[in-house]
Amino acid sequence: MALLPLESNPEVMTKFIHLLGVPDKWSIVDVYDLEPEALVWVPQPVIALILLFPCSDKFYDHAQKEAEQIKEKGQTLVNDLIYMKQYVSNACGSIALIHCVANNADRLDLQDGVFKKILEEAKNLTPEERGQMLSQSNSNSEAYKLITAHQELAMEGQTEVNPNEQVNHHFVALVRKGGYLYELDGRKEFPVNHGPTNEETFLQDAAKVCQEFIKRDSEDVNFTVMALVQHD
């Protein structure tokens, strides 16, 4: 299965999460600058970041070394961290949003709808089984409704989309869970713990992780950072 790629458009992504049960007081906004003095202008609270980055050889080399180090040294994964694997092509935008919402469900006060039902179904599943909910969904499932919403909103973007076109960029989510900052990428073997964080420092800590991605591919300008925030 291949979906239409979701554009890194905050308006489209905000519409997506609202359609699926996230209250209107929450939205996706652009983060234009990752320096500390610029981050103060991002609406608070920020409960997740979404990073769109180029899939380069440098990224894959780093990811492989990172995985080897984690396997050797281990890492802390809190029990209630919700992580799902990606088996559907071009679904990374939706999976990043699912990771953001699922790991902040207690903060978001989710309304009855697709997300809430999917989270109930996925709560006790493995990351692989959660990924299969999307890849093996049928027309009667909640996951199918999410895929339908993805397809409809992908067509609302500003660029022409083609499910068979090679996509060279990828979305990941950065969330705070159990006092740690996690990178959630459904194509990796497991979540990546980037160290301790708290509500006050999360945005700055997550911005540093984004800056590390950018430094590894400093000749490429095709990075986008967005935040899931609450408006008054």
Protein backbone atom coordinates (compact mmCIF):
# COMPACT_ATOMS: atom_id res chain seq x y z
CA MET A 1 0.00 0.00 0.00
CA ALA A 2 1.27 3.50 -0.89
CA LEU A 3 -0.42 6.68 0.27
CA LEU A 4 -0.15 10.18 -1.13
CA PRO A 5 2.64 11.99 0.75
CA LEU A 6 1.40 14.46 3.34
CA GLU A 7 2.77 17.97 2.88
CA SER A 8 4.60 19.75 5.72
CA ASN A 9 1.78 22.27 5.91
CA PRO A 10 0.65 23.28 9.44
CA GLU A 11 -2.86 24.18 8.26
CA VAL A 12 -3.36 20.78 6.63
CA MET A 13 -1.95 18.93 9.64
CA THR A 14 -4.06 20.97 12.05
CA LYS A 15 -7.18 20.14 10.04
CA PHE A 16 -6.17 16.48 10.13
CA ILE A 17 -5.87 16.28 13.93
CA HIS A 18 -9.12 18.23 14.42
CA LEU A 19 -10.98 15.86 12.09
CA LEU A 20 -9.77 12.95 14.19
CA GLY A 21 -10.84 14.27 17.58
CA VAL A 22 -8.17 16.67 18.86
CA PRO A 23 -9.91 19.76 20.37
CA ASP A 24 -9.70 23.03 18.43
CA LYS A 25 -7.55 24.74 21.07
CA TRP A 26 -4.63 22.59 19.87
CA SER A 27 -2.92 23.20 16.53
CA ILE A 28 0.24 22.61 14.50
CA VAL A 29 2.45 25.67 13.91
CA ASP A 30 5.72 26.30 12.11
CA VAL A 31 8.92 26.71 14.10
CA TYR A 32 11.00 29.06 11.96
CA ASP A 33 14.18 29.27 14.05
CA LEU A 34 15.71 26.82 16.52
CA GLU A 35 17.89 29.30 18.43
CA PRO A 36 16.85 29.85 22.08
CA GLU A 37 16.03 33.54 21.60
CA ALA A 38 13.63 32.66 18.74
CA LEU A 39 11.93 29.75 20.52
CA VAL A 40 10.36 32.11 23.07
CA TRP A 41 7.97 33.23 20.31
CA VAL A 42 6.54 29.74 19.83
CA PRO A 43 3.09 29.51 21.51
CA GLN A 44 3.14 27.59 24.80
CA PRO A 45 2.65 24.93 25.90
CA VAL A 46 4.49 22.91 23.24
CA ILE A 47 3.89 19.19 23.75
CA ALA A 48 5.53 17.72 20.62
CA LEU A 49 7.70 18.61 17.65
CA ILE A 50 7.50 17.20 14.14
CA LEU A 51 10.63 17.25 12.00
CA LEU A 52 10.70 16.80 8.23
CA PHE A 53 14.21 16.01 6.98
CA PRO A 54 16.00 14.71 3.86
CA CYS A 55 16.67 10.97 3.70
CA SER A 56 20.36 11.11 2.81
CA ASP A 57 23.21 8.61 3.05
CA LYS A 58 24.45 10.59 6.07
CA PHE A 59 21.12 10.04 7.82
CA TYR A 60 21.12 6.29 7.15
CA ASP A 61 24.77 5.93 8.23
CA HIS A 62 24.08 7.76 11.48
CA ALA A 63 20.88 5.78 12.13
CA GLN A 64 22.76 2.50 11.73
CA LYS A 65 25.55 3.55 14.11
CA GLU A 66 23.00 4.90 16.57
CA ALA A 67 21.08 1.61 16.57
CA GLU A 68 24.28 -0.36 17.15
CA GLN A 69 25.22 1.85 20.11
CA ILE A 70 21.77 1.50 21.66
CA LYS A 71 21.86 -2.28 21.29
CA GLU A 72 25.27 -2.32 22.96
CA LYS A 73 24.61 0.15 25.78
CA GLY A 74 20.83 -0.10 26.16
CA GLN A 75 18.40 2.74 26.81
CA THR A 76 15.43 3.60 29.01
CA LEU A 77 12.00 3.13 27.43
CA VAL A 78 9.09 4.03 29.70
CA ASN A 79 6.23 1.54 29.81
CA ASP A 80 3.52 3.90 28.57
CA LEU A 81 5.43 5.17 25.53
CA ILE A 82 3.29 4.49 22.45
CA TYR A 83 5.32 3.65 19.35
CA MET A 84 4.23 2.13 16.05
CA LYS A 85 6.18 0.76 13.12
CA GLN A 86 5.66 2.09 9.60
CA TYR A 87 4.75 -0.46 6.94
CA VAL A 88 2.75 1.83 4.62
CA SER A 89 4.66 3.94 2.10
CA ASN A 90 4.31 7.72 2.52
CA ALA A 91 2.45 7.32 5.82
CA CYS A 92 5.22 8.96 7.89
CA GLY A 93 3.32 12.25 8.25
CA SER A 94 0.28 10.53 9.72
CA ILE A 95 2.41 8.28 11.91
CA ALA A 96 4.30 11.29 13.26
CA LEU A 97 0.95 12.89 14.16
CA ILE A 98 -0.27 9.65 15.75
CA HIS A 99 2.91 9.54 17.86
CA CYS A 100 2.40 13.17 18.94
CA VAL A 101 -1.24 12.66 19.86
CA ALA A 102 -0.97 9.17 21.36
CA ASN A 103 1.79 10.17 23.77
CA ASN A 104 -0.08 13.28 24.88
CA ALA A 105 -3.61 11.89 25.02
CA ASP A 106 -3.91 12.81 28.70
CA ARG A 107 -3.08 16.46 27.92
CA LEU A 108 -5.20 16.74 24.79
CA ASP A 109 -8.55 15.65 26.24
CA LEU A 110 -9.38 13.76 23.05
CA GLN A 111 -12.98 13.91 21.87
CA ASP A 112 -14.76 10.74 20.82
CA GLY A 113 -13.55 9.93 17.34
CA VAL A 114 -11.07 8.00 15.23
CA PHE A 115 -7.93 8.75 17.24
CA LYS A 116 -9.53 7.83 20.53
CA LYS A 117 -10.81 4.51 19.18
CA ILE A 118 -7.47 3.68 17.52
CA LEU A 119 -5.60 4.42 20.75
CA GLU A 120 -7.92 2.13 22.68
CA GLU A 121 -7.31 -0.64 20.14
CA ALA A 122 -3.54 -0.04 20.03
CA LYS A 123 -2.88 0.41 23.75
CA ASN A 124 -1.89 -3.19 24.47
CA LEU A 125 -0.43 -4.07 21.06
CA THR A 126 3.22 -4.32 20.06
CA PRO A 127 4.77 -1.63 17.80
CA GLU A 128 4.59 -4.12 14.94
CA GLU A 129 0.92 -4.91 15.55
CA ARG A 130 0.13 -1.18 15.70
CA GLY A 131 1.79 -0.70 12.33
CA GLN A 132 -0.21 -3.58 10.91
CA MET A 133 -3.42 -1.81 11.95
CA LEU A 134 -2.73 0.63 9.10
CA SER A 135 -1.18 -1.75 6.59
CA GLN A 136 -3.91 -4.38 6.98
CA SER A 137 -6.89 -2.10 7.55
CA ASN A 138 -10.24 -2.80 5.90
CA SER A 139 -13.11 -0.47 5.03
CA ASN A 140 -14.87 -1.14 8.36
CA SER A 141 -11.90 -0.30 10.59
CA GLU A 142 -11.02 2.93 12.41
CA ALA A 143 -7.56 2.78 10.82
CA TYR A 144 -9.16 2.92 7.38
CA LYS A 145 -10.92 6.15 8.38
CA LEU A 146 -7.54 7.60 9.35
CA ILE A 147 -6.04 6.56 6.01
CA THR A 148 -9.00 8.09 4.18
CA ALA A 149 -8.48 11.36 6.06
CA HIS A 150 -4.77 11.24 5.19
CA GLN A 151 -5.51 10.79 1.48
CA GLU A 152 -8.08 13.60 1.40
CA LEU A 153 -5.82 16.07 3.20
CA ALA A 154 -2.75 15.11 1.18
CA MET A 155 -4.64 16.36 -1.88
CA GLU A 156 -5.25 19.72 -0.17
CA GLY A 157 -1.53 20.53 -0.10
CA GLN A 158 0.05 23.13 -2.35
CA THR A 159 2.13 20.70 -4.37
CA GLU A 160 1.01 17.99 -6.79
CA VAL A 161 1.19 14.56 -5.21
CA ASN A 162 1.78 11.09 -6.65
CA PRO A 163 1.80 7.93 -4.49
CA ASN A 164 4.32 6.25 -6.81
CA GLU A 165 6.77 9.12 -6.86
CA GLN A 166 10.00 8.60 -4.89
CA VAL A 167 9.76 10.60 -1.65
CA ASN A 168 13.14 11.72 -0.32
CA HIS A 169 11.96 13.32 2.92
CA HIS A 170 10.66 11.79 6.13
CA PHE A 171 8.65 12.92 9.19
CA VAL A 172 9.54 12.00 12.77
CA ALA A 173 8.00 13.04 16.09
CA LEU A 174 9.77 14.27 19.22
CA VAL A 175 7.77 13.84 22.42
CA ARG A 176 8.23 14.03 26.20
CA LYS A 177 7.24 10.92 28.12
CA GLY A 178 8.13 9.87 31.66
CA GLY A 179 10.76 12.59 32.00
CA TYR A 180 12.58 11.70 28.77
CA LEU A 181 12.76 13.11 25.24
CA TYR A 182 12.00 10.46 22.64
CA GLU A 183 12.45 10.42 18.88
CA LEU A 184 9.71 8.30 17.33
CA ASP A 185 10.40 7.13 13.79
CA GLY A 186 8.33 4.20 12.57
CA ARG A 187 11.07 3.09 10.17
CA LYS A 188 13.69 2.64 12.90
CA GLU A 189 14.05 -0.52 14.96
CA PHE A 190 12.94 1.21 18.15
CA PRO A 191 12.34 4.64 19.71
CA VAL A 192 15.45 6.69 20.50
CA ASN A 193 15.87 8.17 23.99
CA HIS A 194 17.62 11.55 23.71
CA GLY A 195 17.96 12.06 27.45
CA PRO A 196 16.09 13.72 30.32
CA THR A 197 13.71 16.62 29.73
CA ASN A 198 10.84 18.35 31.50
CA GLU A 199 7.88 20.55 30.63
CA GLU A 200 9.92 23.75 30.92
CA THR A 201 12.91 22.61 28.83
CA PHE A 202 11.20 20.29 26.31
CA LEU A 203 11.10 22.77 23.42
CA GLN A 204 14.76 23.74 23.80
CA ASP A 205 15.84 20.10 24.24
CA ALA A 206 13.86 18.95 21.20
CA ALA A 207 15.19 21.89 19.15
CA LYS A 208 18.75 20.67 19.89
CA VAL A 209 17.88 17.24 18.48
CA CYS A 210 16.53 18.92 15.32
CA GLN A 211 19.74 20.95 15.06
CA GLU A 212 21.76 17.72 15.17
CA PHE A 213 19.79 16.42 12.16
CA ILE A 214 20.47 19.68 10.32
CA LYS A 215 24.20 19.66 11.12
CA ARG A 216 24.57 16.16 9.71
CA ASP A 217 23.18 17.41 6.38
CA SER A 218 24.25 21.04 6.58
CA GLU A 219 24.44 21.44 2.79
CA ASP A 220 20.71 20.62 2.49
CA VAL A 221 18.17 23.33 3.29
CA ASN A 222 15.09 21.11 3.07
CA PHE A 223 14.22 20.84 6.75
CA THR A 224 10.92 21.80 8.35
CA VAL A 225 10.08 21.90 12.05
CA MET A 226 6.52 22.14 13.39
CA ALA A 227 5.11 22.12 16.92
CA LEU A 228 1.91 20.85 18.49
CA VAL A 229 0.81 23.75 20.70
CA GLN A 230 -2.13 25.02 22.70
CA HIS A 231 -3.70 28.39 21.96
CA ASP A 232 -5.53 30.49 24.54
